[in-house]
Structures are given as C-alpha cells and as structure tokens.
C-alpha cells in the first residue's frame, strides 16, 4: 500500500514526526502525500513525499529542505510535481 511505503521511506530519519498525510490523486492515479520533520546528519529538516504507481511501477517524489528554509522550497517542489508528465 502507498501509505505503508511512505512510512518505510522515513524509517531511517531520526525523530521523524509526520505533520500532514493523506491519500490524494496525481495524474488521475491514487497517490499518498506525507509531510513532516526529522533530523538528517544532525540537521532538522522538512520532508515532503508524494508517492504513486503507474503500470506496476512505483514513483516517489521527495523534497528535503532545512527547517529554517523559506516557502520558496515548497513552491519549487509543487512546481516540480506540476511539471511531471507520464507518457
């Protein structure tokens, strides 16, 4: 399941604390989004993940940004997701 896969992705992140998580759609396919914070290499970071599947292939889109970052990183991740095309 997509939600179980998302949780496994963050298993190695120290102190991962999920903030928002929900099933959604991405290019008319079931998807799962999760956002939270944790520590990587001693740095507190924000993690955003969207995973989906297409034709028995799984796709994970992940953004890792310093917690002290600006909203520009979130906008960049959103723009990136909007640019993804499945052919």
N, C-alpha and C. Protein backbone atom coordinates (compact mmCIF):
# COMPACT_ATOMS: atom_id res chain seq x y z
N UNK A 1 0.84 -1.20 0.00
CA UNK A 1 0.00 0.00 0.00
C UNK A 1 0.88 1.25 0.00
N UNK A 2 0.37 2.30 -0.64
CA UNK A 2 1.16 3.54 -0.77
C UNK A 2 1.48 4.16 0.59
N UNK A 3 0.55 4.14 1.53
CA UNK A 3 0.83 4.74 2.83
C UNK A 3 1.90 3.97 3.59
N UNK A 4 1.90 2.65 3.48
CA UNK A 4 2.95 1.84 4.14
C UNK A 4 4.31 2.11 3.52
N UNK A 5 4.34 2.26 2.21
CA UNK A 5 5.59 2.58 1.52
C UNK A 5 6.13 3.93 1.97
N UNK A 6 5.24 4.91 2.13
CA UNK A 6 5.66 6.24 2.58
C UNK A 6 6.27 6.19 3.97
N UNK A 7 5.64 5.46 4.87
CA UNK A 7 6.16 5.34 6.23
C UNK A 7 7.53 4.67 6.22
N UNK A 8 7.72 3.64 5.40
CA UNK A 8 9.01 2.97 5.29
C UNK A 8 10.09 3.92 4.79
N UNK A 9 9.73 4.82 3.90
CA UNK A 9 10.70 5.77 3.35
C UNK A 9 11.35 6.59 4.45
N UNK A 10 10.58 6.94 5.48
CA UNK A 10 11.09 7.80 6.55
C UNK A 10 11.57 7.02 7.77
N UNK A 11 11.62 5.71 7.69
CA UNK A 11 12.03 4.90 8.84
C UNK A 11 13.43 5.25 9.32
N UNK A 12 14.33 5.61 8.41
CA UNK A 12 15.71 5.92 8.78
C UNK A 12 15.95 7.36 9.20
N UNK A 13 14.91 8.19 9.20
CA UNK A 13 15.04 9.60 9.58
C UNK A 13 14.86 9.71 11.09
N UNK A 14 15.87 10.23 11.78
CA UNK A 14 15.82 10.35 13.23
C UNK A 14 14.69 11.28 13.66
N UNK A 15 13.89 10.82 14.59
CA UNK A 15 12.84 11.65 15.17
C UNK A 15 11.79 12.12 14.18
N UNK A 16 11.51 11.33 13.14
CA UNK A 16 10.52 11.77 12.15
C UNK A 16 9.17 11.95 12.81
N UNK A 17 8.60 13.13 12.59
CA UNK A 17 7.28 13.47 13.13
C UNK A 17 6.38 13.87 11.96
N UNK A 18 5.41 13.01 11.59
CA UNK A 18 4.52 13.37 10.50
C UNK A 18 3.62 14.53 10.91
N UNK A 19 3.37 15.43 9.97
CA UNK A 19 2.51 16.58 10.23
C UNK A 19 1.19 16.42 9.47
N UNK A 20 1.28 16.31 8.17
CA UNK A 20 0.11 16.13 7.31
C UNK A 20 0.31 14.89 6.48
N UNK A 21 -0.74 14.10 6.35
CA UNK A 21 -0.68 12.93 5.50
C UNK A 21 -2.08 12.61 5.01
N UNK A 22 -2.16 12.24 3.72
CA UNK A 22 -3.48 11.98 3.15
C UNK A 22 -3.35 11.26 1.82
N UNK A 23 -4.36 10.47 1.51
CA UNK A 23 -4.47 9.91 0.17
C UNK A 23 -4.99 11.02 -0.74
N UNK A 24 -4.52 11.02 -1.98
CA UNK A 24 -4.90 12.03 -2.95
C UNK A 24 -4.83 11.40 -4.34
N UNK A 25 -4.87 12.22 -5.35
CA UNK A 25 -4.65 11.73 -6.71
C UNK A 25 -3.52 12.54 -7.35
N UNK A 26 -2.84 11.89 -8.28
CA UNK A 26 -1.76 12.52 -9.01
C UNK A 26 -1.86 12.00 -10.44
N UNK A 27 -2.11 12.88 -11.38
CA UNK A 27 -2.33 12.48 -12.77
C UNK A 27 -3.40 11.39 -12.87
N UNK A 28 -4.49 11.62 -12.16
CA UNK A 28 -5.65 10.72 -12.16
C UNK A 28 -5.34 9.32 -11.62
N UNK A 29 -4.33 9.22 -10.77
CA UNK A 29 -3.99 7.95 -10.14
C UNK A 29 -3.96 8.14 -8.62
N UNK A 30 -4.23 7.05 -7.92
CA UNK A 30 -4.14 7.10 -6.47
C UNK A 30 -2.72 7.49 -6.06
N UNK A 31 -2.62 8.36 -5.08
CA UNK A 31 -1.32 8.80 -4.57
C UNK A 31 -1.45 9.01 -3.07
N UNK A 32 -0.30 9.15 -2.43
CA UNK A 32 -0.27 9.40 -0.99
C UNK A 32 0.76 10.48 -0.73
N UNK A 33 0.36 11.48 0.04
CA UNK A 33 1.26 12.58 0.41
C UNK A 33 1.48 12.56 1.90
N UNK A 34 2.72 12.77 2.29
CA UNK A 34 3.05 12.90 3.70
C UNK A 34 4.09 14.00 3.85
N UNK A 35 3.96 14.76 4.90
CA UNK A 35 4.89 15.86 5.20
C UNK A 35 5.21 15.79 6.68
N UNK A 36 6.45 16.07 7.02
CA UNK A 36 6.83 16.06 8.42
C UNK A 36 8.22 16.63 8.61
N UNK A 37 8.73 16.45 9.82
CA UNK A 37 10.07 16.94 10.14
C UNK A 37 10.87 15.80 10.77
N UNK A 38 12.18 15.94 10.71
CA UNK A 38 13.07 14.97 11.31
C UNK A 38 14.49 15.50 11.26
N UNK A 39 15.44 14.67 11.65
CA UNK A 39 16.84 15.07 11.68
C UNK A 39 17.65 14.17 10.76
N UNK A 40 18.41 14.81 9.88
CA UNK A 40 19.31 14.08 8.98
C UNK A 40 20.70 14.70 9.09
N UNK A 41 21.68 13.88 9.38
CA UNK A 41 23.06 14.36 9.54
C UNK A 41 23.14 15.52 10.52
N UNK A 42 22.33 15.48 11.58
CA UNK A 42 22.36 16.50 12.61
C UNK A 42 21.61 17.77 12.27
N UNK A 43 20.95 17.81 11.11
CA UNK A 43 20.21 18.99 10.68
C UNK A 43 18.71 18.69 10.72
N UNK A 44 17.95 19.57 11.34
CA UNK A 44 16.50 19.42 11.35
C UNK A 44 15.96 19.84 9.99
N UNK A 45 15.21 18.94 9.37
CA UNK A 45 14.73 19.17 8.02
C UNK A 45 13.22 18.95 7.92
N UNK A 46 12.67 19.54 6.87
CA UNK A 46 11.28 19.29 6.50
C UNK A 46 11.31 18.30 5.35
N UNK A 47 10.44 17.30 5.41
CA UNK A 47 10.38 16.27 4.37
C UNK A 47 8.99 16.26 3.77
N UNK A 48 8.93 16.26 2.46
CA UNK A 48 7.67 16.18 1.73
C UNK A 48 7.78 15.02 0.75
N UNK A 49 6.80 14.15 0.76
CA UNK A 49 6.82 12.98 -0.12
C UNK A 49 5.46 12.81 -0.78
N UNK A 50 5.49 12.55 -2.06
CA UNK A 50 4.30 12.13 -2.78
C UNK A 50 4.69 10.84 -3.49
N UNK A 51 3.93 9.77 -3.26
CA UNK A 51 4.21 8.55 -3.99
C UNK A 51 2.95 8.09 -4.72
N UNK A 52 3.17 7.43 -5.83
CA UNK A 52 2.08 6.95 -6.66
C UNK A 52 2.58 5.74 -7.43
N UNK A 53 1.69 5.11 -8.17
CA UNK A 53 2.11 4.00 -9.01
C UNK A 53 1.44 4.12 -10.37
N UNK A 54 2.12 3.57 -11.36
CA UNK A 54 1.61 3.56 -12.73
C UNK A 54 2.14 2.31 -13.41
N UNK A 55 1.25 1.52 -13.95
CA UNK A 55 1.63 0.28 -14.65
C UNK A 55 2.59 -0.58 -13.81
N UNK A 56 2.24 -0.81 -12.57
CA UNK A 56 3.01 -1.66 -11.65
C UNK A 56 4.39 -1.09 -11.30
N UNK A 57 4.62 0.19 -11.56
CA UNK A 57 5.85 0.87 -11.15
C UNK A 57 5.50 1.90 -10.09
N UNK A 58 6.33 1.99 -9.07
CA UNK A 58 6.12 2.98 -8.01
C UNK A 58 7.01 4.18 -8.26
N UNK A 59 6.47 5.35 -8.01
CA UNK A 59 7.19 6.60 -8.15
C UNK A 59 7.14 7.35 -6.83
N UNK A 60 8.30 7.73 -6.31
CA UNK A 60 8.41 8.52 -5.09
C UNK A 60 9.03 9.86 -5.44
N UNK A 61 8.35 10.92 -5.10
CA UNK A 61 8.87 12.27 -5.30
C UNK A 61 9.10 12.85 -3.91
N UNK A 62 10.34 13.23 -3.62
CA UNK A 62 10.73 13.62 -2.27
C UNK A 62 11.47 14.94 -2.27
N UNK A 63 11.10 15.82 -1.34
CA UNK A 63 11.83 17.07 -1.12
C UNK A 63 12.33 17.08 0.32
N UNK A 64 13.59 17.40 0.48
CA UNK A 64 14.21 17.54 1.81
C UNK A 64 14.80 18.93 1.88
N UNK A 65 14.30 19.73 2.80
CA UNK A 65 14.76 21.11 2.92
C UNK A 65 15.04 21.45 4.39
N UNK A 66 16.00 22.36 4.63
CA UNK A 66 16.24 22.79 6.00
C UNK A 66 14.97 23.38 6.59
N UNK A 67 14.72 23.08 7.85
CA UNK A 67 13.52 23.59 8.51
C UNK A 67 13.52 25.11 8.55
N UNK A 68 14.70 25.69 8.53
CA UNK A 68 14.82 27.15 8.56
C UNK A 68 14.61 27.78 7.19
N UNK A 69 14.32 26.95 6.17
CA UNK A 69 14.16 27.46 4.82
C UNK A 69 12.91 28.32 4.65
N UNK A 70 12.79 28.85 3.47
CA UNK A 70 11.64 29.71 3.17
C UNK A 70 10.58 28.90 2.43
N UNK A 71 9.46 29.51 2.17
CA UNK A 71 8.41 28.88 1.40
C UNK A 71 8.79 28.64 -0.04
N UNK A 72 9.89 29.23 -0.48
CA UNK A 72 10.33 29.07 -1.87
C UNK A 72 10.61 27.60 -2.19
N UNK A 73 11.15 26.85 -1.20
CA UNK A 73 11.42 25.43 -1.44
C UNK A 73 10.12 24.66 -1.64
N UNK A 74 9.11 24.98 -0.85
CA UNK A 74 7.81 24.31 -1.00
C UNK A 74 7.21 24.63 -2.36
N UNK A 75 7.32 25.87 -2.79
CA UNK A 75 6.82 26.26 -4.11
C UNK A 75 7.58 25.52 -5.21
N UNK A 76 8.89 25.37 -5.04
CA UNK A 76 9.70 24.68 -6.04
C UNK A 76 9.28 23.21 -6.14
N UNK A 77 9.00 22.57 -5.02
CA UNK A 77 8.56 21.17 -5.04
C UNK A 77 7.19 21.06 -5.71
N UNK A 78 6.31 21.97 -5.39
CA UNK A 78 4.98 21.98 -6.02
C UNK A 78 5.11 22.18 -7.54
N UNK A 79 5.95 23.11 -7.95
CA UNK A 79 6.17 23.35 -9.38
C UNK A 79 6.78 22.12 -10.05
N UNK A 80 7.69 21.49 -9.36
CA UNK A 80 8.28 20.25 -9.90
C UNK A 80 7.21 19.19 -10.13
N UNK A 81 6.36 18.98 -9.13
CA UNK A 81 5.30 17.98 -9.28
C UNK A 81 4.38 18.32 -10.44
N UNK A 82 4.08 19.59 -10.60
CA UNK A 82 3.22 20.02 -11.71
C UNK A 82 3.89 19.78 -13.06
N UNK A 83 5.22 19.73 -13.08
CA UNK A 83 5.93 19.55 -14.36
C UNK A 83 6.07 18.08 -14.76
N UNK A 84 5.79 17.17 -13.84
CA UNK A 84 5.93 15.74 -14.14
C UNK A 84 4.88 15.32 -15.15
N UNK A 85 5.33 14.58 -16.16
CA UNK A 85 4.43 14.06 -17.20
C UNK A 85 4.67 12.58 -17.36
N UNK A 86 3.61 11.79 -17.35
CA UNK A 86 3.69 10.38 -17.66
C UNK A 86 3.30 10.22 -19.12
N UNK A 87 4.16 9.61 -19.91
CA UNK A 87 3.88 9.44 -21.34
C UNK A 87 3.35 8.05 -21.62
